[in-house]
């Protein structure tokens, strides 16, 4: 138990970096915007908003660890909003199983975002 307790102040990094990297990767992957917009059948302004939000959300989660807690909380809130949209618009109709295009992964990211929004740098 002592070893696990000693890890407690550092385990946020795994959650923080994996969530941030996923958001930055997917935000960057929406460029070029026009091509992604056509492929997903989404309006160009919406794709711009989602891409920028994903990039900012991921960056805020990382930057928040080095200073202002508000950045961690903001990053978490951005994740929540984007994942609610992804679940509602794309994944919920496919059920839970990610292998069927379901919302399993998006739900995990949503609750991880909620964790950072609620706990801030006390995560």
PDB file of N, CA and C in Angstrom:
ATOM      1  N   UNK A   1       0.806  -1.199   0.000  1.00  0.00           N
ATOM      2  CA  UNK A   1       0.000   0.000   0.000  1.00  0.00           C
ATOM      3  C   UNK A   1       0.847   1.262   0.000  1.00  0.00           C
ATOM      4  N   UNK A   2       1.993   1.208   0.683  1.00  0.00           N
ATOM      5  CA  UNK A   2       2.859   2.380   0.752  1.00  0.00           C
ATOM      6  C   UNK A   2       3.324   2.835  -0.615  1.00  0.00           C
ATOM      7  N   UNK A   3       3.655   1.871  -1.484  1.00  0.00           N
ATOM      8  CA  UNK A   3       4.106   2.218  -2.829  1.00  0.00           C
ATOM      9  C   UNK A   3       2.996   2.903  -3.608  1.00  0.00           C
ATOM     10  N   UNK A   4       1.784   2.370  -3.523  1.00  0.00           N
ATOM     11  CA  UNK A   4       0.658   2.974  -4.242  1.00  0.00           C
ATOM     12  C   UNK A   4       0.354   4.372  -3.726  1.00  0.00           C
ATOM     13  N   UNK A   5       0.430   4.553  -2.414  1.00  0.00           N
ATOM     14  CA  UNK A   5       0.214   5.894  -1.838  1.00  0.00           C
ATOM     15  C   UNK A   5       1.265   6.875  -2.328  1.00  0.00           C
ATOM     16  N   UNK A   6       2.494   6.391  -2.502  1.00  0.00           N
ATOM     17  CA  UNK A   6       3.560   7.279  -2.979  1.00  0.00           C
ATOM     18  C   UNK A   6       3.330   7.722  -4.416  1.00  0.00           C
ATOM     19  N   UNK A   7       2.560   6.937  -5.172  1.00  0.00           N
ATOM     20  CA  UNK A   7       2.236   7.304  -6.558  1.00  0.00           C
ATOM     21  C   UNK A   7       1.117   8.329  -6.653  1.00  0.00           C
ATOM     22  N   UNK A   8       0.319   8.447  -5.609  1.00  0.00           N
ATOM     23  CA  UNK A   8      -0.893   9.271  -5.646  1.00  0.00           C
ATOM     24  C   UNK A   8      -0.681  10.691  -6.188  1.00  0.00           C
ATOM     25  N   UNK A   9       0.386  11.397  -5.799  1.00  0.00           N
ATOM     26  CA  UNK A   9       0.540  12.759  -6.315  1.00  0.00           C
ATOM     27  C   UNK A   9       0.900  12.824  -7.807  1.00  0.00           C
ATOM     28  N   UNK A  10       1.203  11.679  -8.405  1.00  0.00           N
ATOM     29  CA  UNK A  10       1.694  11.683  -9.785  1.00  0.00           C
ATOM     30  C   UNK A  10       0.760  11.017 -10.798  1.00  0.00           C
ATOM     31  N   UNK A  11      -0.220  10.277 -10.325  1.00  0.00           N
ATOM     32  CA  UNK A  11      -1.044   9.507 -11.255  1.00  0.00           C
ATOM     33  C   UNK A  11      -1.932  10.377 -12.144  1.00  0.00           C
ATOM     34  N   UNK A  12      -2.136  11.620 -11.756  1.00  0.00           N
ATOM     35  CA  UNK A  12      -2.933  12.503 -12.619  1.00  0.00           C
ATOM     36  C   UNK A  12      -2.289  12.655 -13.988  1.00  0.00           C
ATOM     37  N   UNK A  13      -0.971  12.504 -14.048  1.00  0.00           N
ATOM     38  CA  UNK A  13      -0.271  12.691 -15.326  1.00  0.00           C
ATOM     39  C   UNK A  13      -0.737  11.705 -16.394  1.00  0.00           C
ATOM     40  N   UNK A  14      -0.964  10.468 -16.036  1.00  0.00           N
ATOM     41  CA  UNK A  14      -1.436   9.490 -17.017  1.00  0.00           C
ATOM     42  C   UNK A  14      -2.781   9.879 -17.589  1.00  0.00           C
ATOM     43  N   UNK A  15      -3.718  10.229 -16.725  1.00  0.00           N
ATOM     44  CA  UNK A  15      -5.041  10.672 -17.182  1.00  0.00           C
ATOM     45  C   UNK A  15      -4.942  11.967 -17.979  1.00  0.00           C
ATOM     46  N   UNK A  16      -4.220  12.922 -17.412  1.00  0.00           N
ATOM     47  CA  UNK A  16      -4.113  14.255 -18.008  1.00  0.00           C
ATOM     48  C   UNK A  16      -3.483  14.195 -19.405  1.00  0.00           C
ATOM     49  N   UNK A  17      -2.344  13.514 -19.510  1.00  0.00           N
ATOM     50  CA  UNK A  17      -1.621  13.488 -20.787  1.00  0.00           C
ATOM     51  C   UNK A  17      -2.332  12.642 -21.834  1.00  0.00           C
ATOM     52  N   UNK A  18      -2.936  11.530 -21.424  1.00  0.00           N
ATOM     53  CA  UNK A  18      -3.634  10.710 -22.417  1.00  0.00           C
ATOM     54  C   UNK A  18      -4.879  11.422 -22.940  1.00  0.00           C
ATOM     55  N   UNK A  19      -5.616  12.088 -22.061  1.00  0.00           N
ATOM     56  CA  UNK A  19      -6.794  12.833 -22.502  1.00  0.00           C
ATOM     57  C   UNK A  19      -6.388  14.025 -23.359  1.00  0.00           C
ATOM     58  N   UNK A  20      -5.375  14.764 -22.927  1.00  0.00           N
ATOM     59  CA  UNK A  20      -4.900  15.919 -23.703  1.00  0.00           C
ATOM     60  C   UNK A  20      -4.386  15.488 -25.067  1.00  0.00           C
ATOM     61  N   UNK A  21      -3.592  14.424 -25.108  1.00  0.00           N
ATOM     62  CA  UNK A  21      -3.047  13.951 -26.384  1.00  0.00           C
ATOM     63  C   UNK A  21      -4.158  13.510 -27.326  1.00  0.00           C
ATOM     64  N   UNK A  22      -5.171  12.837 -26.790  1.00  0.00           N
ATOM     65  CA  UNK A  22      -6.292  12.394 -27.622  1.00  0.00           C
ATOM     66  C   UNK A  22      -7.027  13.593 -28.200  1.00  0.00           C
ATOM     67  N   UNK A  23      -7.249  14.606 -27.382  1.00  0.00           N
ATOM     68  CA  UNK A  23      -7.965  15.783 -27.864  1.00  0.00           C
ATOM     69  C   UNK A  23      -7.131  16.562 -28.890  1.00  0.00           C
ATOM     70  N   UNK A  24      -5.864  16.736 -28.631  1.00  0.00           N
ATOM     71  CA  UNK A  24      -5.012  17.453 -29.585  1.00  0.00           C
ATOM     72  C   UNK A  24      -4.923  16.671 -30.895  1.00  0.00           C
ATOM     73  N   UNK A  25      -4.761  15.368 -30.805  1.00  0.00           N
ATOM     74  CA  UNK A  25      -4.682  14.519 -32.000  1.00  0.00           C
ATOM     75  C   UNK A  25      -5.950  14.628 -32.841  1.00  0.00           C
ATOM     76  N   UNK A  26      -7.100  14.532 -32.186  1.00  0.00           N
ATOM     77  CA  UNK A  26      -8.360  14.588 -32.934  1.00  0.00           C
ATOM     78  C   UNK A  26      -8.680  15.999 -33.417  1.00  0.00           C
ATOM     79  N   UNK A  27      -8.284  17.016 -32.668  1.00  0.00           N
ATOM     80  CA  UNK A  27      -8.471  18.393 -33.132  1.00  0.00           C
ATOM     81  C   UNK A  27      -7.633  18.668 -34.370  1.00  0.00           C
ATOM     82  N   UNK A  28      -6.373  18.267 -34.298  1.00  0.00           N
ATOM     83  CA  UNK A  28      -5.469  18.459 -35.438  1.00  0.00           C
ATOM     84  C   UNK A  28      -5.943  17.652 -36.652  1.00  0.00           C
ATOM     85  N   UNK A  29      -6.525  16.484 -36.395  1.00  0.00           N
ATOM     86  CA  UNK A  29      -6.993  15.610 -37.475  1.00  0.00           C
ATOM     87  C   UNK A  29      -8.188  16.144 -38.239  1.00  0.00           C
ATOM     88  N   UNK A  30      -8.797  17.205 -37.758  1.00  0.00           N
ATOM     89  CA  UNK A  30      -9.939  17.780 -38.471  1.00  0.00           C
ATOM     90  C   UNK A  30      -9.502  18.745 -39.579  1.00  0.00           C
ATOM     91  N   UNK A  31      -8.221  18.961 -39.695  1.00  0.00           N
ATOM     92  CA  UNK A  31      -7.684  19.795 -40.779  1.00  0.00           C
ATOM     93  C   UNK A  31      -7.269  18.892 -41.928  1.00  0.00           C
ATOM     94  N   UNK A  32      -7.553  19.229 -43.174  1.00  0.00           N
ATOM     95  CA  UNK A  32      -8.255  20.430 -43.629  1.00  0.00           C
ATOM     96  C   UNK A  32      -9.744  20.375 -43.282  1.00  0.00           C
ATOM     97  N   UNK A  33     -10.223  21.479 -42.807  1.00  0.00           N
ATOM     98  CA  UNK A  33     -11.586  21.594 -42.299  1.00  0.00           C
ATOM     99  C   UNK A  33     -12.627  21.214 -43.345  1.00  0.00           C
ATOM    100  N   UNK A  34     -12.462  21.698 -44.569  1.00  0.00           N
ATOM    101  CA  UNK A  34     -13.464  21.422 -45.614  1.00  0.00           C
ATOM    102  C   UNK A  34     -13.630  19.929 -45.858  1.00  0.00           C
ATOM    103  N   UNK A  35     -12.533  19.202 -45.917  1.00  0.00           N
ATOM    104  CA  UNK A  35     -12.598  17.761 -46.172  1.00  0.00           C
ATOM    105  C   UNK A  35     -13.295  17.041 -45.023  1.00  0.00           C
ATOM    106  N   UNK A  36     -12.951  17.401 -43.800  1.00  0.00           N
ATOM    107  CA  UNK A  36     -13.585  16.765 -42.642  1.00  0.00           C
ATOM    108  C   UNK A  36     -15.068  17.110 -42.590  1.00  0.00           C
ATOM    109  N   UNK A  37     -15.394  18.358 -42.899  1.00  0.00           N
ATOM    110  CA  UNK A  37     -16.783  18.805 -42.898  1.00  0.00           C
ATOM    111  C   UNK A  37     -17.620  17.971 -43.866  1.00  0.00           C
ATOM    112  N   UNK A  38     -17.101  17.760 -45.047  1.00  0.00           N
ATOM    113  CA  UNK A  38     -17.824  16.959 -46.044  1.00  0.00           C
ATOM    114  C   UNK A  38     -17.934  15.506 -45.618  1.00  0.00           C
ATOM    115  N   UNK A  39     -16.865  14.956 -45.094  1.00  0.00           N
ATOM    116  CA  UNK A  39     -16.860  13.548 -44.690  1.00  0.00           C
ATOM    117  C   UNK A  39     -17.862  13.280 -43.564  1.00  0.00           C
ATOM    118  N   UNK A  40     -17.995  14.215 -42.641  1.00  0.00           N
ATOM    119  CA  UNK A  40     -18.876  14.026 -41.491  1.00  0.00           C
ATOM    120  C   UNK A  40     -20.268  14.622 -41.700  1.00  0.00           C
ATOM    121  N   UNK A  41     -20.444  15.392 -42.781  1.00  0.00           N
ATOM    122  CA  UNK A  41     -21.728  16.031 -43.016  1.00  0.00           C
ATOM    123  C   UNK A  41     -22.035  17.119 -41.998  1.00  0.00           C
ATOM    124  N   UNK A  42     -20.980  17.788 -41.519  1.00  0.00           N
ATOM    125  CA  UNK A  42     -21.139  18.857 -40.533  1.00  0.00           C
ATOM    126  C   UNK A  42     -20.843  20.202 -41.182  1.00  0.00           C
ATOM    127  N   UNK A  43     -21.506  21.267 -40.755  1.00  0.00           N
ATOM    128  CA  UNK A  43     -21.209  22.592 -41.297  1.00  0.00           C
ATOM    129  C   UNK A  43     -19.776  23.005 -40.966  1.00  0.00           C
ATOM    130  N   UNK A  44     -19.158  23.713 -41.895  1.00  0.00           N
ATOM    131  CA  UNK A  44     -17.767  24.146 -41.721  1.00  0.00           C
ATOM    132  C   UNK A  44     -17.565  24.934 -40.420  1.00  0.00           C
ATOM    133  N   UNK A  45     -18.432  25.905 -40.075  1.00  0.00           N
ATOM    134  CA  UNK A  45     -18.208  26.630 -38.812  1.00  0.00           C
ATOM    135  C   UNK A  45     -18.219  25.717 -37.588  1.00  0.00           C
ATOM    136  N   UNK A  46     -19.055  24.692 -37.605  1.00  0.00           N
ATOM    137  CA  UNK A  46     -19.099  23.765 -36.483  1.00  0.00           C
ATOM    138  C   UNK A  46     -17.794  22.975 -36.388  1.00  0.00           C
ATOM    139  N   UNK A  47     -17.269  22.548 -37.521  1.00  0.00           N
ATOM    140  CA  UNK A  47     -16.002  21.801 -37.520  1.00  0.00           C
ATOM    141  C   UNK A  47     -14.874  22.689 -37.017  1.00  0.00           C
ATOM    142  N   UNK A  48     -14.858  23.954 -37.444  1.00  0.00           N
ATOM    143  CA  UNK A  48     -13.855  24.888 -36.932  1.00  0.00           C
ATOM    144  C   UNK A  48     -13.948  24.991 -35.412  1.00  0.00           C
ATOM    145  N   UNK A  49     -15.169  25.161 -34.911  1.00  0.00           N
ATOM    146  CA  UNK A  49     -15.369  25.312 -33.466  1.00  0.00           C
ATOM    147  C   UNK A  49     -14.912  24.063 -32.714  1.00  0.00           C
ATOM    148  N   UNK A  50     -15.249  22.896 -33.218  1.00  0.00           N
ATOM    149  CA  UNK A  50     -14.869  21.650 -32.550  1.00  0.00           C
ATOM    150  C   UNK A  50     -13.355  21.459 -32.610  1.00  0.00           C
ATOM    151  N   UNK A  51     -12.757  21.690 -33.770  1.00  0.00           N
ATOM    152  CA  UNK A  51     -11.302  21.515 -33.913  1.00  0.00           C
ATOM    153  C   UNK A  51     -10.540  22.449 -32.967  1.00  0.00           C
ATOM    154  N   UNK A  52     -10.925  23.705 -32.939  1.00  0.00           N
ATOM    155  CA  UNK A  52     -10.258  24.670 -32.059  1.00  0.00           C
ATOM    156  C   UNK A  52     -10.492  24.293 -30.594  1.00  0.00           C
ATOM    157  N   UNK A  53     -11.721  23.921 -30.259  1.00  0.00           N
ATOM    158  CA  UNK A  53     -12.023  23.536 -28.877  1.00  0.00           C
ATOM    159  C   UNK A  53     -11.199  22.326 -28.452  1.00  0.00           C
ATOM    160  N   UNK A  54     -11.038  21.352 -29.331  1.00  0.00           N
ATOM    161  CA  UNK A  54     -10.249  20.174 -28.986  1.00  0.00           C
ATOM    162  C   UNK A  54      -8.778  20.540 -28.780  1.00  0.00           C
ATOM    163  N   UNK A  55      -8.248  21.380 -29.628  1.00  0.00           N
ATOM    164  CA  UNK A  55      -6.858  21.806 -29.477  1.00  0.00           C
ATOM    165  C   UNK A  55      -6.671  22.617 -28.192  1.00  0.00           C
ATOM    166  N   UNK A  56      -7.568  23.557 -27.942  1.00  0.00           N
ATOM    167  CA  UNK A  56      -7.474  24.395 -26.740  1.00  0.00           C
ATOM    168  C   UNK A  56      -7.700  23.556 -25.483  1.00  0.00           C
ATOM    169  N   UNK A  57      -8.676  22.662 -25.519  1.00  0.00           N
ATOM    170  CA  UNK A  57      -8.952  21.819 -24.364  1.00  0.00           C
ATOM    171  C   UNK A  57      -7.760  20.954 -23.990  1.00  0.00           C
ATOM    172  N   UNK A  58      -7.140  20.335 -24.982  1.00  0.00           N
ATOM    173  CA  UNK A  58      -5.959  19.515 -24.715  1.00  0.00           C
ATOM    174  C   UNK A  58      -4.805  20.335 -24.180  1.00  0.00           C
ATOM    175  N   UNK A  59      -4.565  21.484 -24.793  1.00  0.00           N
ATOM    176  CA  UNK A  59      -3.481  22.355 -24.336  1.00  0.00           C
ATOM    177  C   UNK A  59      -3.745  22.875 -22.922  1.00  0.00           C
ATOM    178  N   UNK A  60      -5.003  23.195 -22.618  1.00  0.00           N
ATOM    179  CA  UNK A  60      -5.351  23.698 -21.280  1.00  0.00           C
ATOM    180  C   UNK A  60      -5.125  22.642 -20.209  1.00  0.00           C
ATOM    181  N   UNK A  61      -5.434  21.390 -20.521  1.00  0.00           N
ATOM    182  CA  UNK A  61      -5.196  20.319 -19.547  1.00  0.00           C
ATOM    183  C   UNK A  61      -3.717  20.189 -19.214  1.00  0.00           C
ATOM    184  N   UNK A  62      -2.868  20.330 -20.213  1.00  0.00           N
ATOM    185  CA  UNK A  62      -1.424  20.240 -19.983  1.00  0.00           C
ATOM    186  C   UNK A  62      -0.920  21.483 -19.257  1.00  0.00           C
ATOM    187  N   UNK A  63      -1.282  22.659 -19.773  1.00  0.00           N
ATOM    188  CA  UNK A  63      -0.797  23.906 -19.177  1.00  0.00           C
ATOM    189  C   UNK A  63      -1.272  24.055 -17.735  1.00  0.00           C
ATOM    190  N   UNK A  64      -2.483  23.599 -17.455  1.00  0.00           N
ATOM    191  CA  UNK A  64      -3.020  23.713 -16.111  1.00  0.00           C
ATOM    192  C   UNK A  64      -2.191  22.997 -15.065  1.00  0.00           C
ATOM    193  N   UNK A  65      -1.522  21.946 -15.461  1.00  0.00           N
ATOM    194  CA  UNK A  65      -0.698  21.188 -14.510  1.00  0.00           C
ATOM    195  C   UNK A  65       0.508  21.989 -14.040  1.00  0.00           C
ATOM    196  N   UNK A  66       0.907  22.986 -14.815  1.00  0.00           N
ATOM    197  CA  UNK A  66       2.107  23.766 -14.507  1.00  0.00           C
ATOM    198  C   UNK A  66       1.797  25.122 -13.899  1.00  0.00           C
ATOM    199  N   UNK A  67       0.535  25.369 -13.604  1.00  0.00           N
ATOM    200  CA  UNK A  67       0.235  26.683 -13.054  1.00  0.00           C
ATOM    201  C   UNK A  67      -1.201  26.848 -12.669  1.00  0.00           C
ATOM    202  N   UNK A  68      -1.908  27.601 -13.449  1.00  0.00           N
ATOM    203  CA  UNK A  68      -3.249  28.037 -13.076  1.00  0.00           C
ATOM    204  C   UNK A  68      -4.258  26.889 -13.150  1.00  0.00           C
ATOM    205  N   UNK A  69      -4.837  26.614 -12.007  1.00  0.00           N
ATOM    206  CA  UNK A  69      -5.826  25.545 -11.903  1.00  0.00           C
ATOM    207  C   UNK A  69      -7.011  25.770 -12.830  1.00  0.00           C
ATOM    208  N   UNK A  70      -7.359  27.028 -13.081  1.00  0.00           N
ATOM    209  CA  UNK A  70      -8.502  27.330 -13.944  1.00  0.00           C
ATOM    210  C   UNK A  70      -8.324  26.700 -15.330  1.00  0.00           C
ATOM    211  N   UNK A  71      -7.075  26.565 -15.782  1.00  0.00           N
ATOM    212  CA  UNK A  71      -6.831  25.944 -17.085  1.00  0.00           C
ATOM    213  C   UNK A  71      -7.181  24.456 -17.059  1.00  0.00           C
ATOM    214  N   UNK A  72      -6.858  23.789 -15.973  1.00  0.00           N
ATOM    215  CA  UNK A  72      -7.232  22.380 -15.836  1.00  0.00           C
ATOM    216  C   UNK A  72      -8.750  22.244 -15.852  1.00  0.00           C
ATOM    217  N   UNK A  73      -9.414  23.089 -15.094  1.00  0.00           N
ATOM    218  CA  UNK A  73     -10.881  23.028 -15.030  1.00  0.00           C
ATOM    219  C   UNK A  73     -11.503  23.380 -16.386  1.00  0.00           C
ATOM    220  N   UNK A  74     -10.971  24.394 -17.055  1.00  0.00           N
ATOM    221  CA  UNK A  74     -11.462  24.768 -18.384  1.00  0.00           C
ATOM    222  C   UNK A  74     -11.269  23.619 -19.368  1.00  0.00           C
ATOM    223  N   UNK A  75     -10.102  23.007 -19.364  1.00  0.00           N
ATOM    224  CA  UNK A  75      -9.853  21.856 -20.236  1.00  0.00           C
ATOM    225  C   UNK A  75     -10.865  20.753 -19.991  1.00  0.00           C
ATOM    226  N   UNK A  76     -11.141  20.467 -18.719  1.00  0.00           N
ATOM    227  CA  UNK A  76     -12.133  19.453 -18.380  1.00  0.00           C
ATOM    228  C   UNK A  76     -13.518  19.812 -18.888  1.00  0.00           C
ATOM    229  N   UNK A  77     -13.898  21.075 -18.745  1.00  0.00           N
ATOM    230  CA  UNK A  77     -15.221  21.524 -19.223  1.00  0.00           C
ATOM    231  C   UNK A  77     -15.332  21.419 -20.737  1.00  0.00           C
ATOM    232  N   UNK A  78     -14.263  21.751 -21.443  1.00  0.00           N
ATOM    233  CA  UNK A  78     -14.272  21.631 -22.899  1.00  0.00           C
ATOM    234  C   UNK A  78     -14.456  20.174 -23.305  1.00  0.00           C
ATOM    235  N   UNK A  79     -13.758  19.279 -22.634  1.00  0.00           N
ATOM    236  CA  UNK A  79     -13.899  17.847 -22.913  1.00  0.00           C
ATOM    237  C   UNK A  79     -15.356  17.415 -22.720  1.00  0.00           C
ATOM    238  N   UNK A  80     -15.959  17.852 -21.628  1.00  0.00           N
ATOM    239  CA  UNK A  80     -17.355  17.479 -21.348  1.00  0.00           C
ATOM    240  C   UNK A  80     -18.273  17.915 -22.479  1.00  0.00           C
ATOM    241  N   UNK A  81     -18.159  19.173 -22.887  1.00  0.00           N
ATOM    242  CA  UNK A  81     -19.047  19.710 -23.929  1.00  0.00           C
ATOM    243  C   UNK A  81     -18.847  18.968 -25.254  1.00  0.00           C
ATOM    244  N   UNK A  82     -17.592  18.769 -25.649  1.00  0.00           N
ATOM    245  CA  UNK A  82     -17.307  18.094 -26.916  1.00  0.00           C
ATOM    246  C   UNK A  82     -17.808  16.654 -26.880  1.00  0.00           C
ATOM    247  N   UNK A  83     -17.615  15.970 -25.761  1.00  0.00           N
ATOM    248  CA  UNK A  83     -18.035  14.568 -25.674  1.00  0.00           C
ATOM    249  C   UNK A  83     -19.550  14.425 -25.616  1.00  0.00           C
ATOM    250  N   UNK A  84     -20.239  15.359 -24.980  1.00  0.00           N
ATOM    251  CA  UNK A  84     -21.707  15.325 -25.016  1.00  0.00           C
ATOM    252  C   UNK A  84     -22.177  15.468 -26.462  1.00  0.00           C
ATOM    253  N   UNK A  85     -21.558  16.391 -27.194  1.00  0.00           N
ATOM    254  CA  UNK A  85     -21.911  16.561 -28.602  1.00  0.00           C
ATOM    255  C   UNK A  85     -21.612  15.324 -29.426  1.00  0.00           C
ATOM    256  N   UNK A  86     -20.444  14.718 -29.219  1.00  0.00           N
ATOM    257  CA  UNK A  86     -20.064  13.525 -29.982  1.00  0.00           C
ATOM    258  C   UNK A  86     -21.006  12.365 -29.678  1.00  0.00           C
ATOM    259  N   UNK A  87     -21.355  12.206 -28.417  1.00  0.00           N
ATOM    260  CA  UNK A  87     -22.267  11.124 -28.044  1.00  0.00           C
ATOM    261  C   UNK A  87     -23.645  11.367 -28.647  1.00  0.00           C
ATOM    262  N   UNK A  88     -24.167  12.582 -28.483  1.00  0.00           N
ATOM    263  CA  UNK A  88     -25.514  12.888 -28.964  1.00  0.00           C
ATOM    264  C   UNK A  88     -25.618  12.835 -30.485  1.00  0.00           C
ATOM    265  N   UNK A  89     -24.599  13.359 -31.174  1.00  0.00           N
ATOM    266  CA  UNK A  89     -24.687  13.485 -32.631  1.00  0.00           C
ATOM    267  C   UNK A  89     -24.234  12.240 -33.386  1.00  0.00           C
ATOM    268  N   UNK A  90     -23.348  11.446 -32.806  1.00  0.00           N
ATOM    269  CA  UNK A  90     -22.740  10.354 -33.569  1.00  0.00           C
ATOM    270  C   UNK A  90     -22.879   8.993 -32.892  1.00  0.00           C
ATOM    271  N   UNK A  91     -22.506   8.883 -31.640  1.00  0.00           N
ATOM    272  CA  UNK A  91     -22.260   7.567 -31.051  1.00  0.00           C
ATOM    273  C   UNK A  91     -23.436   6.920 -30.324  1.00  0.00           C
ATOM    274  N   UNK A  92     -24.333   7.688 -29.736  1.00  0.00           N
ATOM    275  CA  UNK A  92     -25.422   7.102 -28.938  1.00  0.00           C
ATOM    276  C   UNK A  92     -26.282   6.157 -29.762  1.00  0.00           C
ATOM    277  N   UNK A  93     -26.523   6.500 -31.002  1.00  0.00           N
ATOM    278  CA  UNK A  93     -27.384   5.652 -31.847  1.00  0.00           C
ATOM    279  C   UNK A  93     -26.775   4.276 -32.095  1.00  0.00           C
ATOM    280  N   UNK A  94     -25.463   4.147 -31.865  1.00  0.00           N
ATOM    281  CA  UNK A  94     -24.779   2.871 -32.083  1.00  0.00           C
ATOM    282  C   UNK A  94     -24.632   2.062 -30.798  1.00  0.00           C
ATOM    283  N   UNK A  95     -25.214   2.529 -29.709  1.00  0.00           N
ATOM    284  CA  UNK A  95     -25.147   1.805 -28.455  1.00  0.00           C
ATOM    285  C   UNK A  95     -23.863   2.086 -27.698  1.00  0.00           C
ATOM    286  N   UNK A  96     -23.480   1.153 -26.844  1.00  0.00           N
ATOM    287  CA  UNK A  96     -22.330   1.334 -25.960  1.00  0.00           C
ATOM    288  C   UNK A  96     -21.020   0.834 -26.570  1.00  0.00           C
ATOM    289  N   UNK A  97     -21.041  -0.299 -27.224  1.00  0.00           N
ATOM    290  CA  UNK A  97     -19.831  -0.977 -27.694  1.00  0.00           C
ATOM    291  C   UNK A  97     -19.075  -0.167 -28.736  1.00  0.00           C
ATOM    292  N   UNK A  98     -17.825   0.170 -28.411  1.00  0.00           N
ATOM    293  CA  UNK A  98     -16.988   0.953 -29.314  1.00  0.00           C
ATOM    294  C   UNK A  98     -16.743   0.224 -30.637  1.00  0.00           C
ATOM    295  N   UNK A  99     -16.764  -1.101 -30.606  1.00  0.00           N
ATOM    296  CA  UNK A  99     -16.540  -1.883 -31.823  1.00  0.00           C
ATOM    297  C   UNK A  99     -17.672  -1.706 -32.837  1.00  0.00           C
ATOM    298  N   UNK A 100     -18.809  -1.221 -32.361  1.00  0.00           N
ATOM    299  CA  UNK A 100     -19.943  -0.948 -33.244  1.00  0.00           C
ATOM    300  C   UNK A 100     -20.124   0.549 -33.469  1.00  0.00           C
ATOM    301  N   UNK A 101     -19.109   1.341 -33.147  1.00  0.00           N
ATOM    302  CA  UNK A 101     -19.229   2.794 -33.270  1.00  0.00           C
ATOM    303  C   UNK A 101     -19.949   3.424 -32.093  1.00  0.00           C
ATOM    304  N   UNK A 102     -20.078   2.685 -31.011  1.00  0.00           N
ATOM    305  CA  UNK A 102     -20.812   3.157 -29.841  1.00  0.00           C
ATOM    306  C   UNK A 102     -20.042   4.176 -29.016  1.00  0.00           C
ATOM    307  N   UNK A 103     -20.622   4.527 -27.884  1.00  0.00           N
ATOM    308  CA  UNK A 103     -20.157   5.662 -27.094  1.00  0.00           C
ATOM    309  C   UNK A 103     -19.226   5.296 -25.941  1.00  0.00           C
ATOM    310  N   UNK A 104     -18.754   4.083 -25.892  1.00  0.00           N
ATOM    311  CA  UNK A 104     -17.910   3.613 -24.792  1.00  0.00           C
ATOM    312  C   UNK A 104     -16.712   4.527 -24.530  1.00  0.00           C
ATOM    313  N   UNK A 105     -15.931   4.802 -25.553  1.00  0.00           N
ATOM    314  CA  UNK A 105     -14.727   5.625 -25.431  1.00  0.00           C
ATOM    315  C   UNK A 105     -15.074   7.078 -25.115  1.00  0.00           C
ATOM    316  N   UNK A 106     -16.106   7.601 -25.766  1.00  0.00           N
ATOM    317  CA  UNK A 106     -16.511   8.989 -25.549  1.00  0.00           C
ATOM    318  C   UNK A 106     -17.028   9.188 -24.125  1.00  0.00           C
ATOM    319  N   UNK A 107     -17.726   8.187 -23.591  1.00  0.00           N
ATOM    320  CA  UNK A 107     -18.212   8.268 -22.217  1.00  0.00           C
ATOM    321  C   UNK A 107     -17.045   8.273 -21.234  1.00  0.00           C
ATOM    322  N   UNK A 108     -16.037   7.472 -21.501  1.00  0.00           N
ATOM    323  CA  UNK A 108     -14.850   7.462 -20.649  1.00  0.00           C
ATOM    324  C   UNK A 108     -14.157   8.828 -20.669  1.00  0.00           C
ATOM    325  N   UNK A 109     -14.023   9.426 -21.854  1.00  0.00           N
ATOM    326  CA  UNK A 109     -13.418  10.753 -21.927  1.00  0.00           C
ATOM    327  C   UNK A 109     -14.289  11.796 -21.236  1.00  0.00           C
ATOM    328  N   UNK A 110     -15.608  11.686 -21.374  1.00  0.00           N
ATOM    329  CA  UNK A 110     -16.513  12.634 -20.720  1.00  0.00           C
ATOM    330  C   UNK A 110     -16.325  12.595 -19.209  1.00  0.00           C
ATOM    331  N   UNK A 111     -16.325  11.414 -18.598  1.00  0.00           N
ATOM    332  CA  UNK A 111     -16.203  11.362 -17.142  1.00  0.00           C
ATOM    333  C   UNK A 111     -14.791  11.733 -16.683  1.00  0.00           C
ATOM    334  N   UNK A 112     -13.790  11.511 -17.521  1.00  0.00           N
ATOM    335  CA  UNK A 112     -12.438  11.966 -17.182  1.00  0.00           C
ATOM    336  C   UNK A 112     -12.382  13.490 -17.223  1.00  0.00           C
ATOM    337  N   UNK A 113     -13.046  14.087 -18.209  1.00  0.00           N
ATOM    338  CA  UNK A 113     -13.160  15.541 -18.256  1.00  0.00           C
ATOM    339  C   UNK A 113     -13.890  16.077 -17.035  1.00  0.00           C
ATOM    340  N   UNK A 114     -14.942  15.388 -16.614  1.00  0.00           N
ATOM    341  CA  UNK A 114     -15.676  15.786 -15.408  1.00  0.00           C
ATOM    342  C   UNK A 114     -14.773  15.720 -14.180  1.00  0.00           C
ATOM    343  N   UNK A 115     -13.943  14.703 -14.124  1.00  0.00           N
ATOM    344  CA  UNK A 115     -12.997  14.560 -13.014  1.00  0.00           C
ATOM    345  C   UNK A 115     -12.077  15.779 -12.935  1.00  0.00           C
ATOM    346  N   UNK A 116     -11.496  16.190 -14.073  1.00  0.00           N
ATOM    347  CA  UNK A 116     -10.601  17.348 -14.067  1.00  0.00           C
ATOM    348  C   UNK A 116     -11.357  18.656 -13.827  1.00  0.00           C
ATOM    349  N   UNK A 117     -12.559  18.769 -14.356  1.00  0.00           N
ATOM    350  CA  UNK A 117     -13.353  19.987 -14.114  1.00  0.00           C
ATOM    351  C   UNK A 117     -13.698  20.119 -12.632  1.00  0.00           C
ATOM    352  N   UNK A 118     -14.025  19.010 -12.006  1.00  0.00           N
ATOM    353  CA  UNK A 118     -14.418  19.043 -10.595  1.00  0.00           C
ATOM    354  C   UNK A 118     -13.240  19.137  -9.640  1.00  0.00           C
ATOM    355  N   UNK A 119     -12.160  18.437  -9.928  1.00  0.00           N
ATOM    356  CA  UNK A 119     -11.019  18.354  -9.010  1.00  0.00           C
ATOM    357  C   UNK A 119      -9.927  19.378  -9.301  1.00  0.00           C
ATOM    358  N   UNK A 120      -9.898  19.903 -10.516  1.00  0.00           N
ATOM    359  CA  UNK A 120      -8.838  20.859 -10.870  1.00  0.00           C
ATOM    360  C   UNK A 120      -7.477  20.238 -10.684  1.00  0.00           C
ATOM    361  N   UNK A 121      -6.563  20.973 -10.076  1.00  0.00           N
ATOM    362  CA  UNK A 121      -5.210  20.462  -9.874  1.00  0.00           C
ATOM    363  C   UNK A 121      -5.092  19.593  -8.619  1.00  0.00           C
ATOM    364  N   UNK A 122      -6.197  19.359  -7.943  1.00  0.00           N
ATOM    365  CA  UNK A 122      -6.211  18.408  -6.841  1.00  0.00           C
ATOM    366  C   UNK A 122      -6.445  16.995  -7.341  1.00  0.00           C
ATOM    367  N   UNK A 123      -6.494  16.847  -8.668  1.00  0.00           N
ATOM    368  CA  UNK A 123      -6.738  15.526  -9.263  1.00  0.00           C
ATOM    369  C   UNK A 123      -5.560  14.609  -9.008  1.00  0.00           C
TER     370      UNK A 123
END
